[in-house]
């Protein structure tokens, strides 16, 4: 009986609460690369449209003289264009210029 309670509770979570990870943590991230190219965490709910061009940046450390003062800056590494909207949260992109990695982030 307990086994049925957990899935029912998970299914009863509002749709808006399920998107918290997408909204605050993943949005703008390059989440993978398949045979069609990079997949990014930007979709219809973010207002993505085919042909949009975005700047890609990479978090780069800034080394200061003080040991405990580690900070990061945004280092521009290229641009991508949306080729295909997969669903509400994801899209395929093609690299316009530069070279991207999985740690890079799209500047929304």
N, C-alpha and C. Protein backbone atom coordinates (compact mmCIF):
# COMPACT_ATOMS: atom_id res chain seq x y z
N UNK A 1 0.81 -1.19 0.00
CA UNK A 1 0.00 0.00 0.00
C UNK A 1 0.86 1.26 0.00
N UNK A 2 1.96 1.24 0.69
CA UNK A 2 2.85 2.39 0.73
C UNK A 2 3.44 2.67 -0.65
N UNK A 3 3.66 1.65 -1.45
CA UNK A 3 4.25 1.82 -2.77
C UNK A 3 3.36 2.66 -3.67
N UNK A 4 2.05 2.62 -3.44
CA UNK A 4 1.14 3.40 -4.27
C UNK A 4 1.06 4.86 -3.85
N UNK A 5 1.36 5.15 -2.60
CA UNK A 5 1.25 6.52 -2.11
C UNK A 5 2.29 7.45 -2.73
N UNK A 6 3.51 6.99 -2.91
CA UNK A 6 4.58 7.84 -3.44
C UNK A 6 4.30 8.23 -4.89
N UNK A 7 3.99 7.28 -5.80
CA UNK A 7 3.71 7.71 -7.17
C UNK A 7 2.49 8.61 -7.28
N UNK A 8 1.46 8.37 -6.47
CA UNK A 8 0.28 9.24 -6.53
C UNK A 8 0.62 10.65 -6.06
N UNK A 9 1.44 10.76 -5.03
CA UNK A 9 1.86 12.07 -4.55
C UNK A 9 2.69 12.78 -5.62
N UNK A 10 3.61 12.06 -6.24
CA UNK A 10 4.46 12.67 -7.27
C UNK A 10 3.63 13.14 -8.45
N UNK A 11 2.58 12.39 -8.79
CA UNK A 11 1.73 12.77 -9.91
C UNK A 11 0.84 13.95 -9.56
N UNK A 12 0.61 14.19 -8.26
CA UNK A 12 -0.28 15.28 -7.87
C UNK A 12 0.44 16.62 -7.70
N UNK A 13 1.75 16.65 -7.93
CA UNK A 13 2.50 17.90 -7.83
C UNK A 13 2.09 18.81 -8.97
N UNK A 14 1.80 20.08 -8.71
CA UNK A 14 1.40 20.99 -9.78
C UNK A 14 2.47 21.13 -10.85
N UNK A 15 2.05 21.36 -12.07
CA UNK A 15 2.99 21.49 -13.19
C UNK A 15 3.96 22.64 -12.97
N UNK A 16 3.49 23.72 -12.32
CA UNK A 16 4.38 24.86 -12.09
C UNK A 16 5.52 24.51 -11.14
N UNK A 17 5.28 23.62 -10.18
CA UNK A 17 6.33 23.23 -9.24
C UNK A 17 7.35 22.30 -9.89
N UNK A 18 6.94 21.56 -10.92
CA UNK A 18 7.85 20.64 -11.58
C UNK A 18 8.90 21.38 -12.39
N UNK A 19 8.66 22.62 -12.74
CA UNK A 19 9.59 23.37 -13.57
C UNK A 19 10.62 24.19 -12.82
N UNK A 20 10.69 24.04 -11.51
CA UNK A 20 11.62 24.85 -10.72
C UNK A 20 13.06 24.60 -11.15
N UNK A 21 13.42 23.34 -11.34
CA UNK A 21 14.79 23.02 -11.78
C UNK A 21 15.10 23.62 -13.14
N UNK A 22 14.11 23.59 -14.02
CA UNK A 22 14.31 24.17 -15.35
C UNK A 22 14.45 25.69 -15.25
N UNK A 23 13.60 26.30 -14.47
CA UNK A 23 13.58 27.75 -14.39
C UNK A 23 14.83 28.33 -13.73
N UNK A 24 15.29 27.73 -12.65
CA UNK A 24 16.37 28.33 -11.88
C UNK A 24 17.73 27.68 -12.07
N UNK A 25 17.77 26.40 -12.42
CA UNK A 25 19.07 25.72 -12.46
C UNK A 25 19.57 25.44 -13.87
N UNK A 26 18.71 24.93 -14.73
CA UNK A 26 19.16 24.46 -16.04
C UNK A 26 19.00 25.48 -17.15
N UNK A 27 18.11 26.41 -17.02
CA UNK A 27 17.75 27.31 -18.11
C UNK A 27 18.99 28.00 -18.68
N UNK A 28 19.17 27.85 -19.98
CA UNK A 28 20.32 28.44 -20.66
C UNK A 28 21.51 27.52 -20.76
N UNK A 29 21.45 26.34 -20.15
CA UNK A 29 22.58 25.41 -20.17
C UNK A 29 22.61 24.58 -21.44
N UNK A 30 23.80 24.21 -21.86
CA UNK A 30 23.97 23.24 -22.93
C UNK A 30 23.97 21.88 -22.24
N UNK A 31 22.94 21.08 -22.51
CA UNK A 31 22.76 19.85 -21.75
C UNK A 31 23.26 18.60 -22.46
N UNK A 32 23.56 18.70 -23.74
CA UNK A 32 24.05 17.52 -24.45
C UNK A 32 24.32 17.83 -25.91
N UNK A 33 24.92 16.85 -26.56
CA UNK A 33 25.20 16.96 -27.99
C UNK A 33 24.84 15.63 -28.62
N UNK A 34 23.99 15.64 -29.64
CA UNK A 34 23.67 14.42 -30.36
C UNK A 34 24.08 14.57 -31.82
N UNK A 35 23.63 13.67 -32.66
CA UNK A 35 24.06 13.69 -34.06
C UNK A 35 23.60 14.94 -34.81
N UNK A 36 22.59 15.65 -34.30
CA UNK A 36 22.12 16.88 -34.94
C UNK A 36 22.81 18.13 -34.41
N UNK A 37 23.54 17.98 -33.31
CA UNK A 37 24.24 19.12 -32.73
C UNK A 37 23.91 19.31 -31.27
N UNK A 38 24.29 20.45 -30.71
CA UNK A 38 24.06 20.72 -29.29
C UNK A 38 22.57 20.85 -28.97
N UNK A 39 22.20 20.43 -27.75
CA UNK A 39 20.85 20.59 -27.23
C UNK A 39 20.95 21.55 -26.06
N UNK A 40 20.09 22.56 -26.07
CA UNK A 40 20.12 23.57 -25.01
C UNK A 40 18.80 23.57 -24.24
N UNK A 41 18.88 24.03 -23.03
CA UNK A 41 17.71 24.10 -22.16
C UNK A 41 17.03 25.46 -22.34
N UNK A 42 16.46 25.62 -23.53
CA UNK A 42 15.64 26.78 -23.87
C UNK A 42 14.56 26.24 -24.79
N UNK A 43 13.31 26.52 -24.51
CA UNK A 43 12.23 25.99 -25.33
C UNK A 43 11.11 26.99 -25.51
N UNK A 44 9.94 26.45 -25.86
CA UNK A 44 8.79 27.30 -26.13
C UNK A 44 8.40 28.18 -24.94
N UNK A 45 8.47 27.64 -23.72
CA UNK A 45 8.08 28.44 -22.55
C UNK A 45 9.03 29.61 -22.30
N UNK A 46 10.23 29.54 -22.86
CA UNK A 46 11.19 30.63 -22.73
C UNK A 46 11.08 31.63 -23.88
N UNK A 47 10.15 31.38 -24.81
CA UNK A 47 9.97 32.27 -25.95
C UNK A 47 10.93 31.99 -27.09
N UNK A 48 11.53 30.81 -27.12
CA UNK A 48 12.50 30.47 -28.17
C UNK A 48 11.81 30.36 -29.52
N UNK A 49 12.49 30.84 -30.55
CA UNK A 49 12.00 30.76 -31.92
C UNK A 49 13.13 30.33 -32.83
N UNK A 50 12.79 29.60 -33.88
CA UNK A 50 13.80 29.14 -34.84
C UNK A 50 14.45 30.37 -35.48
N UNK A 51 15.78 30.32 -35.56
CA UNK A 51 16.54 31.41 -36.14
C UNK A 51 17.13 32.39 -35.13
N UNK A 52 16.67 32.34 -33.89
CA UNK A 52 17.24 33.23 -32.88
C UNK A 52 18.71 32.92 -32.68
N UNK A 53 19.50 33.96 -32.48
CA UNK A 53 20.94 33.81 -32.25
C UNK A 53 21.24 34.25 -30.82
N UNK A 54 22.01 33.42 -30.12
CA UNK A 54 22.38 33.70 -28.73
C UNK A 54 23.89 33.70 -28.57
N UNK A 55 24.36 34.54 -27.65
CA UNK A 55 25.77 34.56 -27.30
C UNK A 55 26.02 33.43 -26.30
N UNK A 56 27.15 32.73 -26.46
CA UNK A 56 27.55 31.66 -25.55
C UNK A 56 28.71 32.16 -24.71
N UNK A 57 28.61 31.95 -23.41
CA UNK A 57 29.74 32.32 -22.57
C UNK A 57 30.13 31.16 -21.67
N UNK A 58 31.35 31.23 -21.20
CA UNK A 58 31.92 30.21 -20.32
C UNK A 58 32.34 30.89 -19.03
N UNK A 59 31.93 30.33 -17.89
CA UNK A 59 32.41 30.88 -16.62
C UNK A 59 33.93 30.72 -16.53
N UNK A 60 34.64 31.81 -16.31
CA UNK A 60 36.10 31.78 -16.23
C UNK A 60 36.52 32.40 -14.90
N UNK A 61 37.40 31.73 -14.18
CA UNK A 61 37.82 32.27 -12.88
C UNK A 61 38.65 33.55 -13.03
N UNK A 62 38.48 34.43 -12.06
CA UNK A 62 39.29 35.64 -11.97
C UNK A 62 40.20 35.43 -10.76
N UNK A 63 41.48 35.42 -11.00
CA UNK A 63 42.43 35.18 -9.92
C UNK A 63 42.86 36.51 -9.31
N UNK A 64 42.57 36.65 -8.05
CA UNK A 64 42.92 37.86 -7.32
C UNK A 64 44.09 37.57 -6.39
N UNK A 65 44.69 38.60 -5.88
CA UNK A 65 45.84 38.42 -4.99
C UNK A 65 45.44 37.77 -3.66
N UNK A 66 44.25 38.04 -3.20
CA UNK A 66 43.81 37.42 -1.94
C UNK A 66 43.38 35.99 -2.21
N UNK A 67 43.79 35.07 -1.39
CA UNK A 67 43.54 33.64 -1.61
C UNK A 67 42.06 33.28 -1.57
N UNK A 68 41.32 33.88 -0.70
CA UNK A 68 39.92 33.48 -0.53
C UNK A 68 38.96 34.22 -1.45
N UNK A 69 39.42 35.07 -2.29
CA UNK A 69 38.55 35.91 -3.11
C UNK A 69 38.42 35.36 -4.52
N UNK A 70 37.88 34.17 -4.67
CA UNK A 70 37.67 33.60 -6.00
C UNK A 70 36.39 34.12 -6.61
N UNK A 71 36.49 34.70 -7.77
CA UNK A 71 35.32 35.21 -8.48
C UNK A 71 35.36 34.69 -9.91
N UNK A 72 34.22 34.82 -10.59
CA UNK A 72 34.12 34.37 -11.97
C UNK A 72 33.65 35.50 -12.86
N UNK A 73 34.01 35.42 -14.11
CA UNK A 73 33.54 36.38 -15.11
C UNK A 73 32.97 35.58 -16.28
N UNK A 74 32.27 36.26 -17.15
CA UNK A 74 31.70 35.61 -18.33
C UNK A 74 32.63 35.84 -19.51
N UNK A 75 33.19 34.75 -20.03
CA UNK A 75 34.07 34.83 -21.19
C UNK A 75 33.28 34.38 -22.42
N UNK A 76 33.06 35.29 -23.37
CA UNK A 76 32.31 34.95 -24.58
C UNK A 76 33.12 33.99 -25.44
N UNK A 77 32.49 32.88 -25.83
CA UNK A 77 33.19 31.86 -26.62
C UNK A 77 32.55 31.62 -27.98
N UNK A 78 31.41 32.25 -28.28
CA UNK A 78 30.81 32.07 -29.59
C UNK A 78 29.33 32.41 -29.60
N UNK A 79 28.67 32.02 -30.70
CA UNK A 79 27.25 32.25 -30.88
C UNK A 79 26.60 30.99 -31.44
N UNK A 80 25.32 30.77 -31.08
CA UNK A 80 24.55 29.65 -31.61
C UNK A 80 23.23 30.17 -32.15
N UNK A 81 22.65 29.41 -33.07
CA UNK A 81 21.36 29.73 -33.66
C UNK A 81 20.41 28.55 -33.44
N UNK A 82 19.17 28.83 -33.07
CA UNK A 82 18.19 27.76 -32.85
C UNK A 82 17.75 27.19 -34.20
N UNK A 83 17.90 25.87 -34.34
CA UNK A 83 17.49 25.16 -35.55
C UNK A 83 16.12 24.50 -35.41
N UNK A 84 15.87 23.93 -34.22
CA UNK A 84 14.64 23.16 -34.01
C UNK A 84 14.22 23.28 -32.55
N UNK A 85 12.95 23.56 -32.33
CA UNK A 85 12.39 23.56 -30.98
C UNK A 85 11.93 22.13 -30.71
N UNK A 86 12.49 21.48 -29.70
CA UNK A 86 12.13 20.10 -29.39
C UNK A 86 10.81 20.05 -28.62
N UNK A 87 10.68 20.84 -27.56
CA UNK A 87 9.45 20.90 -26.76
C UNK A 87 9.45 22.20 -25.96
N UNK A 88 8.70 22.20 -24.87
CA UNK A 88 8.60 23.42 -24.06
C UNK A 88 9.91 23.83 -23.41
N UNK A 89 10.83 22.88 -23.24
CA UNK A 89 12.05 23.16 -22.48
C UNK A 89 13.36 23.02 -23.24
N UNK A 90 13.37 22.40 -24.41
CA UNK A 90 14.63 22.10 -25.08
C UNK A 90 14.60 22.47 -26.56
N UNK A 91 15.80 22.75 -27.10
CA UNK A 91 15.93 23.07 -28.52
C UNK A 91 17.29 22.61 -29.02
N UNK A 92 17.34 22.29 -30.32
CA UNK A 92 18.61 22.01 -30.99
C UNK A 92 19.16 23.32 -31.53
N UNK A 93 20.46 23.49 -31.45
CA UNK A 93 21.10 24.69 -31.98
C UNK A 93 22.26 24.30 -32.88
N UNK A 94 22.67 25.23 -33.72
CA UNK A 94 23.89 25.05 -34.51
C UNK A 94 24.86 26.16 -34.14
N UNK A 95 26.13 25.85 -34.19
CA UNK A 95 27.16 26.82 -33.82
C UNK A 95 27.38 27.78 -34.98
N UNK A 96 27.21 29.07 -34.73
CA UNK A 96 27.44 30.10 -35.74
C UNK A 96 28.92 30.43 -35.81
N UNK A 97 29.53 30.64 -34.65
CA UNK A 97 30.98 30.86 -34.58
C UNK A 97 31.47 30.45 -33.21
N UNK A 98 32.75 30.20 -33.13
CA UNK A 98 33.36 29.79 -31.87
C UNK A 98 33.29 28.29 -31.66
N UNK A 99 33.61 27.87 -30.46
CA UNK A 99 33.57 26.46 -30.09
C UNK A 99 32.94 26.36 -28.71
N UNK A 100 31.95 25.46 -28.57
CA UNK A 100 31.23 25.37 -27.30
C UNK A 100 31.49 24.04 -26.61
N UNK A 101 31.31 24.05 -25.28
CA UNK A 101 31.45 22.86 -24.44
C UNK A 101 30.19 22.70 -23.60
N UNK A 102 30.08 21.55 -22.94
CA UNK A 102 28.92 21.30 -22.09
C UNK A 102 28.84 22.23 -20.88
N UNK A 103 29.93 22.83 -20.48
CA UNK A 103 29.90 23.73 -19.31
C UNK A 103 29.47 25.15 -19.68
N UNK A 104 29.30 25.43 -20.96
CA UNK A 104 28.96 26.78 -21.42
C UNK A 104 27.49 27.09 -21.16
N UNK A 105 27.17 28.38 -21.17
CA UNK A 105 25.83 28.86 -20.87
C UNK A 105 25.40 29.85 -21.94
N UNK A 106 24.11 29.80 -22.29
CA UNK A 106 23.56 30.74 -23.26
C UNK A 106 23.17 32.02 -22.54
N UNK A 107 23.53 33.14 -23.12
CA UNK A 107 23.17 34.44 -22.57
C UNK A 107 21.77 34.79 -23.04
N UNK A 108 20.79 34.69 -22.16
CA UNK A 108 19.39 34.94 -22.52
C UNK A 108 19.05 36.41 -22.51
